[in-house]
């Protein structure tokens, strides 16, 4: 998690990250508050939209429907203000001001008096474009600070002041939110378009959407539903972002962000400080236990500043510290430095000019090729000034554009395929080499049983028996037994363990296999006598060792 204070600056991305973090940790009751106010308005809006666009008796109850929509709009804004206050309380870590009848009355009065003007101001500002960011931030701030104490003028002035501070953050923040909203709408619209066909394909459910085909997508009710769902998904994030923005804006005067951070640190320190104090007191590195009375009473000899500087200079002159010293740069004349910069700038400008000329030329050739292709595909169409490519109208134009997009997509895929084949052809072919496992030296005391599998040690033991070296064959059989037990997780092979430790570990893990314990104990005793006690290894002793090994493998 990022520091809470990082979002108090001008970074819009940090503000978005903190808003997402607060929403992820928000309780379900906070989302319930938002849903209680927003869902009734959204559902009523969809019903009102469908009724007004297709209903036969829409004119008869349009006045009652509009009044109901207005009341539900004010209802939604009041609960969204409560939601913003909850987000702010979650950020500060303190309980909010209790909701009294007086406070609820002021909240409803402020939202009813100030929010309806946004229905006219926001479309007008969007048409003008330039002041839209300030107007949008102003009405979002009305929701964010609407639950705070104060009258209508105080709320208006606070929201206007919050909209004017940090304009760069405000514009970047709204740009990122617009991009995010666009992608959410594309996902919602695509899901709504393909979900009926998915139900028909998987479950055979035929709905009115699948029967209507593409016409079900090209209507206003479908667009209204997609916009409403996108609003429900994105608006909590917008409310949380502007609630945090208002909180940090007011903290410039009140310091509430620092107070909340200090309160959080104090709460954490109150639980950890006693434990830390006890740990320091009882630690061996504690000054109470580490310093003896005689050492603390002994005065320290003073060092003069001249002697200290002389010692520092001597240390810095040593060869091991010479690489830290800065290298003296060669001084260049003003004429050489100016000529070098001018030469570099001239080269960059010439390169940019060439790139721009090439891009313009390529774009012109591409447009000319598209026009020629369109005229070849539709020779009967006549281009004019308003229709330079001779497109048809209606569904014929849509099919023409779709065919052209399909042709361009196939050409792009072919280009990507050619580029990948060319890159793969240029890549050097890797020659597969088989890893050769080195044969361990049985005379090495640091050899481990997990260097080879069981079959590898048995192969070495057979070779040693053929060579007549029974002592090394005995050790190979012993390592094969360890590898077999390690593969079955009866022991854990480690270089620091002794044979006695392996024997004790096997007793703990293989209590139900007394035959394995006995055979392994006999092999450990025989191996210790032959390897460490320098006893002669006879063929009979090796045969008995091998018999015990076979018993270990069989269990």
Protein backbone atom coordinates (compact mmCIF):
# COMPACT_ATOMS: atom_id res chain seq x y z
CA UNK A 1 0.00 0.00 0.00
CA UNK A 2 1.22 3.50 -0.80
CA UNK A 3 1.66 6.10 1.88
CA UNK A 4 -1.49 7.97 2.58
CA UNK A 5 0.23 11.29 2.30
CA UNK A 6 1.47 10.64 -1.21
CA UNK A 7 -1.88 11.50 -2.70
CA UNK A 8 -2.01 14.86 -0.99
CA UNK A 9 0.18 16.39 -3.71
CA UNK A 10 -0.61 16.97 -7.34
CA UNK A 11 -0.46 13.34 -8.48
CA UNK A 12 -3.79 12.26 -9.96
CA UNK A 13 -2.63 8.65 -10.26
CA UNK A 14 -1.85 8.45 -6.52
CA UNK A 15 -5.29 9.87 -5.78
CA UNK A 16 -6.91 7.22 -7.97
CA UNK A 17 -4.88 4.45 -6.32
CA UNK A 18 -5.89 5.60 -2.84
CA UNK A 19 -9.55 5.80 -3.89
CA UNK A 20 -9.44 2.25 -5.24
CA UNK A 21 -7.73 1.07 -2.03
CA UNK A 22 -10.43 2.69 0.13
CA UNK A 23 -13.23 1.16 -1.96
CA UNK A 24 -11.64 -2.28 -1.75
CA UNK A 25 -11.54 -2.05 2.04
CA UNK A 26 -14.93 -0.38 2.43
CA UNK A 27 -17.58 -2.28 4.42
CA UNK A 28 -20.68 -3.65 2.75
CA UNK A 29 -22.84 -1.11 4.57
CA UNK A 30 -21.14 1.73 2.67
CA UNK A 31 -22.00 0.11 -0.67
CA UNK A 32 -25.50 -0.47 0.66
CA UNK A 33 -25.87 3.27 1.28
CA UNK A 34 -24.83 4.00 -2.30
CA UNK A 35 -27.13 1.34 -3.75
CA UNK A 36 -30.07 2.55 -1.65
CA UNK A 37 -29.88 5.95 -3.31
CA UNK A 38 -28.66 5.12 -6.83
CA UNK A 39 -30.44 1.93 -7.87
CA UNK A 40 -34.01 3.31 -7.51
CA UNK A 41 -33.12 6.27 -9.72
CA UNK A 42 -31.36 4.12 -12.33
CA UNK A 43 -34.22 1.60 -12.56
CA UNK A 44 -36.82 4.36 -12.72
CA UNK A 45 -34.79 6.15 -15.40
CA UNK A 46 -34.67 3.02 -17.57
CA UNK A 47 -38.42 2.49 -17.19
CA UNK A 48 -39.11 6.18 -17.91
CA UNK A 49 -36.86 6.11 -20.97
CA UNK A 50 -38.47 2.98 -22.41
CA UNK A 51 -41.99 4.25 -21.66
CA UNK A 52 -41.42 7.68 -23.17
CA UNK A 53 -39.76 6.27 -26.30
CA UNK A 54 -42.18 3.40 -27.03
CA UNK A 55 -45.20 3.70 -24.76
CA UNK A 56 -48.55 4.39 -26.40
CA UNK A 57 -49.89 6.42 -23.44
CA UNK A 58 -46.66 8.25 -22.60
CA UNK A 59 -48.14 11.72 -23.06
CA UNK A 60 -50.82 11.06 -20.49
CA UNK A 61 -48.46 10.50 -17.55
CA UNK A 62 -45.33 12.35 -18.62
CA UNK A 63 -45.83 15.01 -15.94
CA UNK A 64 -46.10 12.47 -13.12
CA UNK A 65 -43.13 10.50 -14.45
CA UNK A 66 -40.98 13.62 -14.68
CA UNK A 67 -41.89 14.63 -11.10
CA UNK A 68 -41.03 11.13 -9.85
CA UNK A 69 -37.69 11.25 -11.68
CA UNK A 70 -36.90 14.62 -10.09
CA UNK A 71 -37.66 13.35 -6.59
CA UNK A 72 -35.59 10.20 -7.15
CA UNK A 73 -32.73 12.35 -8.45
CA UNK A 74 -32.67 14.36 -5.22
CA UNK A 75 -32.99 11.12 -3.24
CA UNK A 76 -29.92 9.74 -5.07
CA UNK A 77 -27.85 12.87 -4.49
CA UNK A 78 -28.58 12.86 -0.76
CA UNK A 79 -27.48 9.24 -0.34
CA UNK A 80 -24.43 9.81 -2.52
CA UNK A 81 -23.45 12.64 -0.16
CA UNK A 82 -23.78 10.18 2.74
CA UNK A 83 -21.58 7.74 0.79
CA UNK A 84 -18.92 10.44 0.25
CA UNK A 85 -18.97 11.25 3.97
CA UNK A 86 -18.43 7.56 4.71
CA UNK A 87 -15.43 7.46 2.37
CA UNK A 88 -13.96 10.47 4.15
CA UNK A 89 -14.50 8.87 7.57
CA UNK A 90 -12.76 5.72 6.35
CA UNK A 91 -9.79 7.83 5.20
CA UNK A 92 -9.44 9.66 8.52
CA UNK A 93 -10.03 6.50 10.55
CA UNK A 94 -12.48 8.33 12.80
CA UNK A 95 -16.20 7.91 13.25
CA UNK A 96 -18.28 10.50 11.41
CA UNK A 97 -20.64 13.03 12.90
CA UNK A 98 -23.85 11.29 13.99
CA UNK A 99 -26.83 11.78 11.69
CA UNK A 100 -29.50 13.81 13.40
CA UNK A 101 -32.81 15.06 12.02
CA UNK A 102 -31.38 18.57 11.71
CA UNK A 103 -28.35 17.38 9.79
CA UNK A 104 -30.48 15.26 7.44
CA UNK A 105 -32.76 18.25 6.84
CA UNK A 106 -29.82 20.50 5.93
CA UNK A 107 -28.43 17.79 3.66
CA UNK A 108 -31.71 17.44 1.77
CA UNK A 109 -32.07 21.25 1.53
CA UNK A 110 -28.57 21.80 0.14
CA UNK A 111 -28.78 18.98 -2.40
CA UNK A 112 -32.26 20.05 -3.51
CA UNK A 113 -31.24 23.69 -3.93
CA UNK A 114 -27.83 23.25 -5.60
CA UNK A 115 -27.75 19.97 -7.52
CA UNK A 116 -30.65 20.50 -10.00
CA UNK A 117 -28.77 23.33 -11.73
CA UNK A 118 -26.20 20.77 -12.85
CA UNK A 119 -28.75 19.23 -15.23
CA UNK A 120 -28.45 22.42 -17.32
CA UNK A 121 -24.93 23.61 -16.49
CA UNK A 122 -23.11 20.35 -17.32
CA UNK A 123 -24.49 19.93 -20.89
CA UNK A 124 -23.82 23.63 -21.59
CA UNK A 125 -20.25 23.36 -20.27
CA UNK A 126 -19.72 20.18 -22.30
CA UNK A 127 -20.86 22.03 -25.43
CA UNK A 128 -18.40 24.86 -24.75
CA UNK A 129 -15.72 22.25 -23.71
CA UNK A 130 -13.24 24.59 -21.97
CA UNK A 131 -14.95 25.09 -18.54
CA UNK A 132 -16.32 21.53 -18.35
CA UNK A 133 -13.60 20.25 -16.00
CA UNK A 134 -14.29 23.02 -13.45
CA UNK A 135 -18.08 22.66 -13.70
CA UNK A 136 -17.95 18.88 -13.37
CA UNK A 137 -15.60 19.14 -10.37
CA UNK A 138 -17.90 21.76 -8.80
CA UNK A 139 -20.98 19.51 -8.81
CA UNK A 140 -18.98 16.52 -7.63
CA UNK A 141 -17.65 18.67 -4.79
CA UNK A 142 -21.23 19.59 -3.86
CA UNK A 143 -21.81 15.88 -3.23
CA UNK A 144 -18.49 15.44 -1.41
CA UNK A 145 -18.97 18.37 1.01
CA UNK A 146 -22.78 18.31 1.13
CA UNK A 147 -22.86 16.40 4.42
CA UNK A 148 -20.59 18.89 6.20
CA UNK A 149 -22.04 21.53 8.53
CA UNK A 150 -22.81 24.91 7.01
CA UNK A 151 -25.43 26.72 5.04
CA UNK A 152 -26.07 27.00 1.33
CA UNK A 153 -23.55 29.78 0.76
CA UNK A 154 -20.82 27.98 2.71
CA UNK A 155 -21.34 24.78 0.71
CA UNK A 156 -21.38 26.72 -2.58
CA UNK A 157 -18.16 28.61 -1.73
CA UNK A 158 -16.38 25.45 -0.53
CA UNK A 159 -17.28 23.51 -3.67
CA UNK A 160 -16.21 26.40 -5.93
CA UNK A 161 -12.90 26.83 -4.09
CA UNK A 162 -12.20 23.09 -4.27
CA UNK A 163 -12.87 23.13 -8.03
CA UNK A 164 -10.28 25.88 -8.59
CA UNK A 165 -7.35 24.41 -6.63
CA UNK A 166 -4.87 22.15 -8.42
CA UNK A 167 -6.29 22.53 -11.94
CA UNK A 168 -3.65 20.24 -13.48
CA UNK A 169 -4.62 17.44 -11.11
CA UNK A 170 -8.31 18.04 -11.83
CA UNK A 171 -7.90 17.87 -15.62
CA UNK A 172 -5.61 14.82 -15.56
CA UNK A 173 -7.91 13.09 -13.10
CA UNK A 174 -10.98 13.62 -15.27
CA UNK A 175 -9.08 12.52 -18.38
CA UNK A 176 -8.13 9.24 -16.73
CA UNK A 177 -11.70 8.75 -15.49
CA UNK A 178 -13.07 9.37 -18.99
CA UNK A 179 -10.73 6.76 -20.48
CA UNK A 180 -11.62 4.27 -17.76
CA UNK A 181 -15.35 4.93 -18.22
CA UNK A 182 -15.04 4.43 -21.97
CA UNK A 183 -13.45 1.02 -21.53
CA UNK A 184 -16.04 0.01 -18.93
CA UNK A 185 -18.84 1.03 -21.31
CA UNK A 186 -17.30 -0.97 -24.16
CA UNK A 187 -17.15 -4.05 -21.92
CA UNK A 188 -20.75 -3.56 -20.72
CA UNK A 189 -22.09 -2.95 -24.23
CA UNK A 190 -20.25 -5.97 -25.63
CA UNK A 191 -21.50 -8.20 -22.83
CA UNK A 192 -25.08 -7.03 -23.31
CA UNK A 193 -24.84 -7.63 -27.06
CA UNK A 194 -23.37 -11.13 -26.90
CA UNK A 195 -25.05 -12.48 -23.75
CA UNK A 196 -28.37 -13.40 -25.49
CA UNK A 197 -26.49 -15.23 -28.24
CA UNK A 198 -24.38 -17.00 -25.63
CA UNK A 199 -27.51 -18.18 -23.82
CA UNK A 200 -28.96 -19.41 -27.09
CA UNK A 201 -25.76 -21.26 -28.01
CA UNK A 202 -25.21 -22.92 -24.63
CA UNK A 203 -28.75 -23.48 -23.37
CA UNK A 204 -30.95 -23.04 -26.44
CA UNK A 205 -32.80 -20.05 -24.91
CA UNK A 206 -34.25 -17.92 -27.71
CA UNK A 207 -35.05 -14.35 -26.59
CA UNK A 208 -36.40 -11.26 -28.29
CA UNK A 209 -32.84 -9.99 -28.72
CA UNK A 210 -31.73 -13.02 -30.73
CA UNK A 211 -34.90 -12.90 -32.82
CA UNK A 212 -34.43 -9.23 -33.65
CA UNK A 213 -30.77 -9.68 -34.60
CA UNK A 214 -28.68 -6.53 -35.03
CA UNK A 215 -31.76 -4.31 -34.62
CA UNK A 216 -31.81 -5.06 -30.88
CA UNK A 217 -28.47 -3.30 -30.52
CA UNK A 218 -29.24 -0.31 -32.71
CA UNK A 219 -31.92 1.26 -30.49
CA UNK A 220 -31.96 3.89 -27.76
CA UNK A 221 -33.15 1.56 -24.99
CA UNK A 222 -30.07 -0.65 -25.43
CA UNK A 223 -27.80 2.40 -25.26
CA UNK A 224 -29.64 3.73 -22.20
CA UNK A 225 -29.19 0.38 -20.40
CA UNK A 226 -25.48 0.26 -21.22
CA UNK A 227 -24.99 3.86 -20.01
CA UNK A 228 -26.93 3.18 -16.80
CA UNK A 229 -24.90 0.09 -15.93
CA UNK A 230 -21.67 1.93 -16.67
CA UNK A 231 -22.79 4.74 -14.35
CA UNK A 232 -23.48 2.28 -11.53
CA UNK A 233 -20.05 0.67 -11.94
CA UNK A 234 -17.94 3.84 -12.32
CA UNK A 235 -19.73 6.47 -10.22
CA UNK A 236 -18.62 5.08 -6.78
CA UNK A 237 -15.01 5.52 -7.86
CA UNK A 238 -15.72 9.10 -9.02
CA UNK A 239 -17.41 9.96 -5.74
CA UNK A 240 -14.53 8.45 -3.73
CA UNK A 241 -11.90 10.33 -5.79
CA UNK A 242 -13.55 13.72 -5.36
CA UNK A 243 -14.23 13.03 -1.68
CA UNK A 244 -10.49 12.47 -1.21
CA UNK A 245 -9.68 15.53 -3.34
CA UNK A 246 -11.89 17.73 -1.17
CA UNK A 247 -10.37 16.19 1.96
CA UNK A 248 -6.81 16.98 0.86
CA UNK A 249 -7.87 20.43 -0.35
CA UNK A 250 -9.34 21.33 3.03
CA UNK A 251 -6.30 19.81 4.73
CA UNK A 252 -4.19 22.62 3.25
CA UNK A 253 -5.83 24.88 5.83
CA UNK A 254 -6.81 22.47 8.61
CA UNK A 255 -4.04 19.83 8.45
CA UNK A 256 -6.58 17.00 8.86
CA UNK A 257 -4.49 14.66 6.70
CA UNK A 258 -1.48 15.01 9.01
CA UNK A 259 -3.68 14.65 12.08
CA UNK A 260 -5.22 11.42 10.79
CA UNK A 261 -1.80 10.00 9.87
CA UNK A 262 -0.43 10.91 13.30
CA UNK A 263 -3.45 9.34 14.97
CA UNK A 264 -2.91 6.14 13.00
CA UNK A 265 0.80 6.10 13.91
CA UNK A 266 -0.04 6.78 17.56
CA UNK A 267 -2.52 3.92 17.63
CA UNK A 268 0.04 1.58 16.13
CA UNK A 269 2.80 2.77 18.44
CA UNK A 270 0.65 2.39 21.55
CA UNK A 271 0.46 -1.36 20.98
CA UNK A 272 4.02 -1.89 19.77
CA UNK A 273 5.88 0.45 22.16
CA UNK A 274 5.65 -1.70 25.34
CA UNK A 275 6.86 -4.76 23.49
CA UNK A 276 9.70 -2.81 21.90
CA UNK A 277 10.74 -1.35 25.24
CA UNK A 278 10.81 -4.79 26.86
CA UNK A 279 12.82 -6.18 23.97
CA UNK A 280 15.38 -3.38 24.18
CA UNK A 281 15.63 -3.67 27.96
CA UNK A 282 16.24 -7.41 28.01
CA UNK A 283 18.45 -7.44 24.91
CA UNK A 284 22.16 -8.09 25.32
CA UNK A 285 22.79 -4.99 23.20
CA UNK A 286 20.93 -2.81 25.70
CA UNK A 287 23.08 -0.04 27.21
CA UNK A 288 21.87 -1.08 30.67
CA UNK A 289 23.47 -4.52 30.33
CA UNK A 290 26.23 -3.86 27.84
CA UNK A 291 28.07 -1.01 29.56
CA UNK A 292 29.82 -1.73 32.82
CA UNK A 293 30.17 0.89 35.51
CA UNK A 294 33.95 1.06 35.11
CA UNK A 295 33.65 1.59 31.34
CA UNK A 296 30.98 4.27 31.69
CA UNK A 297 32.99 6.17 34.32
CA UNK A 298 36.19 6.16 32.29
CA UNK A 299 36.62 9.52 30.56
CA UNK A 300 37.17 9.48 26.80
CA UNK A 301 40.32 11.03 25.47
CA UNK A 302 39.60 14.16 23.45
CA UNK A 303 40.80 14.34 19.82
CA UNK A 304 41.76 17.70 18.37
CA UNK A 305 40.11 18.84 15.09
CA UNK A 306 43.50 19.13 13.36
CA UNK A 307 44.45 15.54 14.16
CA UNK A 308 41.00 14.32 13.04
CA UNK A 309 41.25 16.14 9.68
CA UNK A 310 44.77 14.80 9.16
CA UNK A 311 43.61 11.23 9.80
CA UNK A 312 40.68 11.64 7.39
CA UNK A 313 42.98 12.94 4.65
CA UNK A 314 45.37 10.01 5.12
CA UNK A 315 42.53 7.49 4.87
CA UNK A 316 41.14 9.10 1.70
CA UNK A 317 44.56 8.93 0.05
CA UNK A 318 44.66 5.13 0.30
CA UNK A 319 44.39 3.16 -2.99
CA UNK A 320 41.19 1.36 -1.93
CA UNK A 321 39.37 4.71 -1.74
CA UNK A 322 40.87 6.28 -4.88
CA UNK A 323 38.03 5.12 -7.11
CA UNK A 324 35.61 7.21 -5.09
CA UNK A 325 37.39 10.46 -5.93
CA UNK A 326 35.81 12.45 -8.80
CA UNK A 327 37.77 12.61 -12.03
CA UNK A 328 38.70 16.08 -13.23
CA UNK A 329 36.86 16.81 -16.44
CA UNK A 330 38.70 18.37 -19.33
CA UNK A 331 37.63 21.92 -20.01
CA UNK A 332 36.29 22.64 -23.46
CA UNK A 333 36.23 25.97 -25.15
CA UNK A 334 32.94 27.74 -25.79
CA UNK A 335 33.39 27.47 -29.53
CA UNK A 336 33.88 23.66 -29.45
CA UNK A 337 30.92 23.15 -27.08
CA UNK A 338 28.68 25.38 -29.18
CA UNK A 339 29.73 23.64 -32.38
CA UNK A 340 29.03 20.20 -30.89
CA UNK A 341 25.56 21.18 -29.69
CA UNK A 342 24.75 22.86 -32.96
CA UNK A 343 25.89 19.79 -34.84
CA UNK A 344 23.71 17.50 -32.71
CA UNK A 345 20.65 19.76 -32.95
CA UNK A 346 21.05 20.08 -36.69
CA UNK A 347 21.23 16.28 -37.05
CA UNK A 348 18.11 15.80 -34.93
CA UNK A 349 16.15 18.42 -36.87
CA UNK A 350 17.17 16.89 -40.21
CA UNK A 351 16.15 13.43 -39.02
CA UNK A 352 12.74 14.68 -37.84
CA UNK A 353 12.18 16.40 -41.17
CA UNK A 354 12.96 13.21 -43.06
CA UNK A 355 10.65 11.18 -40.81
CA UNK A 356 7.79 13.67 -41.25
CA UNK A 357 8.22 13.70 -45.02
CA UNK A 358 8.23 9.91 -45.12
CA UNK A 359 5.11 9.66 -42.91
CA UNK A 360 3.20 12.21 -44.99
CA UNK A 361 4.20 10.49 -48.19
CA UNK A 362 3.24 7.06 -46.85
CA UNK A 363 -0.11 8.36 -45.56
CA UNK A 364 -0.90 9.90 -48.93
CA UNK A 365 -0.03 6.68 -50.73
CA UNK A 366 -2.18 4.69 -48.28
CA UNK A 367 -5.20 6.96 -48.81
CA UNK A 368 -4.73 6.80 -52.56
CA UNK A 369 -4.56 3.00 -52.41
CA UNK A 370 -7.73 2.85 -50.30
CA UNK A 371 -9.54 5.07 -52.79
CA UNK A 372 -8.38 2.96 -55.74
CA UNK A 373 -9.43 -0.21 -53.94
CA UNK A 374 -12.86 1.24 -53.15
CA UNK A 375 -13.40 2.26 -56.76
CA UNK A 376 -12.39 -1.21 -57.93
CA UNK A 377 -14.73 -2.93 -55.49
CA UNK A 378 -17.67 -0.65 -56.30
CA UNK A 379 -17.21 0.59 -59.88
CA UNK A 380 -20.83 1.79 -60.17
CA UNK A 381 -20.55 4.31 -57.34
CA UNK A 382 -19.66 7.85 -58.35
CA UNK A 383 -17.58 9.92 -55.96
CA UNK A 384 -18.25 13.58 -55.45
CA UNK A 385 -17.13 16.31 -53.10
CA UNK A 386 -19.26 15.15 -50.16
CA UNK A 387 -18.64 11.45 -50.91
CA UNK A 388 -15.05 11.15 -52.25
CA UNK A 389 -14.96 7.33 -52.17
CA UNK A 390 -18.42 6.78 -53.60
CA UNK A 391 -19.91 5.02 -50.61
CA UNK A 392 -23.48 3.89 -50.76
CA UNK A 393 -26.04 4.83 -48.12
CA UNK A 394 -27.76 2.89 -45.34
CA UNK A 395 -26.97 -0.78 -44.80
CA UNK A 396 -25.10 -0.94 -48.14
CA UNK A 397 -22.61 1.64 -46.83
CA UNK A 398 -22.24 -0.34 -43.59
CA UNK A 399 -21.51 -3.53 -45.53
CA UNK A 400 -19.00 -1.73 -47.73
CA UNK A 401 -17.15 -0.34 -44.72
CA UNK A 402 -17.26 -3.76 -43.02
CA UNK A 403 -15.81 -5.41 -46.13
CA UNK A 404 -13.05 -2.82 -46.34
CA UNK A 405 -12.20 -3.28 -42.65
CA UNK A 406 -12.09 -7.04 -43.19
CA UNK A 407 -9.69 -6.63 -46.12
CA UNK A 408 -7.44 -4.29 -44.12
CA UNK A 409 -7.51 -6.71 -41.16
CA UNK A 410 -6.44 -9.62 -43.35
CA UNK A 411 -3.65 -7.50 -44.83
CA UNK A 412 -2.50 -6.57 -41.32
CA UNK A 413 -2.50 -10.20 -40.19
CA UNK A 414 -0.46 -11.18 -43.24
CA UNK A 415 2.02 -8.41 -42.48
CA UNK A 416 2.36 -9.55 -38.85
CA UNK A 417 2.80 -13.16 -39.99
CA UNK A 418 5.53 -12.18 -42.47
CA UNK A 419 7.35 -10.13 -39.82
CA UNK A 420 7.25 -13.00 -37.32
CA UNK A 421 8.51 -15.50 -39.91
CA UNK A 422 11.32 -13.13 -40.83
CA UNK A 423 12.34 -12.66 -37.18
CA UNK A 424 12.20 -16.39 -36.53
CA UNK A 425 14.37 -17.01 -39.57
CA UNK A 426 16.97 -14.55 -38.32
CA UNK A 427 17.11 -16.09 -34.85
CA UNK A 428 20.00 -18.54 -34.44
CA UNK A 429 19.00 -22.14 -34.06
CA UNK A 430 19.76 -23.55 -30.65
CA UNK A 431 21.65 -26.80 -30.68
CA UNK A 432 20.25 -29.20 -28.13
CA UNK A 433 22.97 -30.73 -26.00
CA UNK A 434 22.51 -33.51 -23.51
CA UNK A 435 23.74 -32.79 -20.03
CA UNK A 436 26.58 -35.10 -19.03
CA UNK A 437 26.50 -36.03 -15.37
CA UNK A 438 29.94 -36.25 -13.81
CA UNK A 439 30.72 -39.44 -11.88
CA UNK A 440 31.23 -38.59 -8.20
CA UNK A 441 34.50 -39.52 -6.52
CA UNK A 442 33.73 -42.14 -3.87
CA UNK A 443 36.91 -41.24 -1.96
CA UNK A 444 35.62 -37.70 -1.37
CA UNK A 445 34.34 -37.24 2.17
CA UNK A 446 31.99 -34.43 1.10
CA UNK A 447 30.04 -36.57 -1.35
CA UNK A 448 26.22 -36.50 -0.91
CA UNK A 449 23.73 -39.26 -1.58
CA UNK A 450 21.41 -36.94 -3.57
CA UNK A 451 24.05 -36.29 -6.26
CA UNK A 452 22.88 -39.39 -8.14
CA UNK A 453 19.68 -41.44 -8.15
CA UNK A 454 19.56 -44.93 -6.74
CA UNK A 455 20.30 -46.57 -10.12
CA UNK A 456 23.39 -44.40 -10.60
CA UNK A 457 24.94 -45.56 -7.32
CA UNK A 458 24.13 -49.20 -8.12
CA UNK A 459 25.88 -48.85 -11.46
CA UNK A 460 28.99 -47.47 -9.76
CA UNK A 461 28.84 -50.27 -7.16
CA UNK A 462 28.80 -52.88 -9.94
CA UNK A 463 31.80 -51.24 -11.59
CA UNK A 464 33.73 -51.20 -8.32
CA UNK A 465 32.95 -54.91 -7.75
CA UNK A 466 34.24 -55.75 -11.22
CA UNK A 467 37.44 -53.80 -10.49
CA UNK A 468 37.80 -55.68 -7.18
CA UNK A 469 37.55 -52.53 -5.02
CA UNK A 470 35.08 -53.89 -2.45
CA UNK A 471 35.51 -50.98 -0.04
CA UNK A 472 34.31 -48.41 -2.60
CA UNK A 473 31.58 -50.80 -3.72
CA UNK A 474 30.38 -50.95 -0.10
CA UNK A 475 30.18 -47.15 0.05
CA UNK A 476 28.31 -47.01 -3.26
CA UNK A 477 25.74 -49.51 -1.93
CA UNK A 478 25.38 -47.40 1.23
CA UNK A 479 24.80 -44.19 -0.78
CA UNK A 480 22.27 -46.07 -2.92
CA UNK A 481 20.40 -47.03 0.24
CA UNK A 482 20.34 -43.38 1.39
CA UNK A 483 19.12 -42.26 -2.04
CA UNK A 484 16.36 -44.89 -1.96
CA UNK A 485 15.17 -43.79 1.49
CA UNK A 486 15.39 -40.11 0.52
CA UNK A 487 13.31 -40.66 -2.63
CA UNK A 488 10.57 -42.26 -0.50
CA UNK A 489 10.84 -39.37 2.04
CA UNK A 490 11.80 -41.69 4.89
CA UNK A 491 14.84 -39.51 5.53
CA UNK A 492 15.89 -36.02 4.48
CA UNK A 493 19.36 -36.09 2.92
CA UNK A 494 21.69 -33.31 4.11
CA UNK A 495 25.46 -32.98 4.07
CA UNK A 496 25.67 -32.03 7.76
CA UNK A 497 23.90 -35.18 9.04
CA UNK A 498 25.79 -38.16 10.43
CA UNK A 499 24.95 -41.82 9.96
CA UNK A 500 23.61 -41.93 13.49
CA UNK A 501 21.24 -39.04 12.74
CA UNK A 502 19.99 -40.84 9.62
CA UNK A 503 19.33 -43.94 11.74
CA UNK A 504 17.37 -41.98 14.36
CA UNK A 505 15.37 -40.14 11.69
CA UNK A 506 14.44 -43.46 10.03
CA UNK A 507 13.18 -44.80 13.36
CA UNK A 508 10.86 -41.81 13.71
CA UNK A 509 9.46 -41.92 10.18
CA UNK A 510 9.34 -45.68 9.58
CA UNK A 511 7.95 -47.00 12.84
CA UNK A 512 5.68 -49.42 11.00
CA UNK A 513 8.61 -50.95 9.07
CA UNK A 514 10.88 -52.71 11.61
CA UNK A 515 12.55 -54.73 8.82
CA UNK A 516 13.81 -51.51 7.19
CA UNK A 517 15.11 -50.20 10.51
CA UNK A 518 17.00 -53.43 11.27
CA UNK A 519 18.51 -53.73 7.80
CA UNK A 520 19.59 -50.09 7.75
CA UNK A 521 21.11 -50.30 11.26
CA UNK A 522 23.15 -53.36 10.24
CA UNK A 523 24.37 -51.56 7.08
CA UNK A 524 25.29 -48.46 9.09
CA UNK A 525 27.34 -50.56 11.52
CA UNK A 526 29.06 -52.45 8.66
CA UNK A 527 29.79 -49.23 6.79
CA UNK A 528 31.26 -47.49 9.85
CA UNK A 529 33.56 -50.48 10.53
CA UNK A 530 34.77 -50.66 6.94
CA UNK A 531 35.02 -46.96 6.10
CA UNK A 532 36.05 -45.36 9.38
CA UNK A 533 37.43 -48.39 11.26
CA UNK A 534 39.53 -49.62 8.30
CA UNK A 535 38.18 -53.15 8.61
CA UNK A 536 38.72 -55.37 5.60
CA UNK A 537 35.67 -55.81 3.37
CA UNK A 538 35.20 -59.46 2.49
CA UNK A 539 32.93 -60.79 -0.28
CA UNK A 540 30.72 -62.37 2.41
CA UNK A 541 30.35 -59.00 4.23
CA UNK A 542 29.56 -57.24 0.95
CA UNK A 543 26.99 -59.95 0.10
CA UNK A 544 25.29 -59.45 3.48
CA UNK A 545 25.34 -55.65 2.95
CA UNK A 546 23.72 -56.08 -0.46
CA UNK A 547 21.06 -58.41 1.04
CA UNK A 548 20.14 -55.76 3.62
CA UNK A 549 19.99 -53.17 0.85
CA UNK A 550 17.52 -55.32 -1.10
CA UNK A 551 15.33 -55.57 2.01
CA UNK A 552 15.37 -51.76 2.28
CA UNK A 553 14.33 -51.42 -1.34
CA UNK A 554 11.58 -54.04 -1.08
CA UNK A 555 9.74 -52.37 1.82
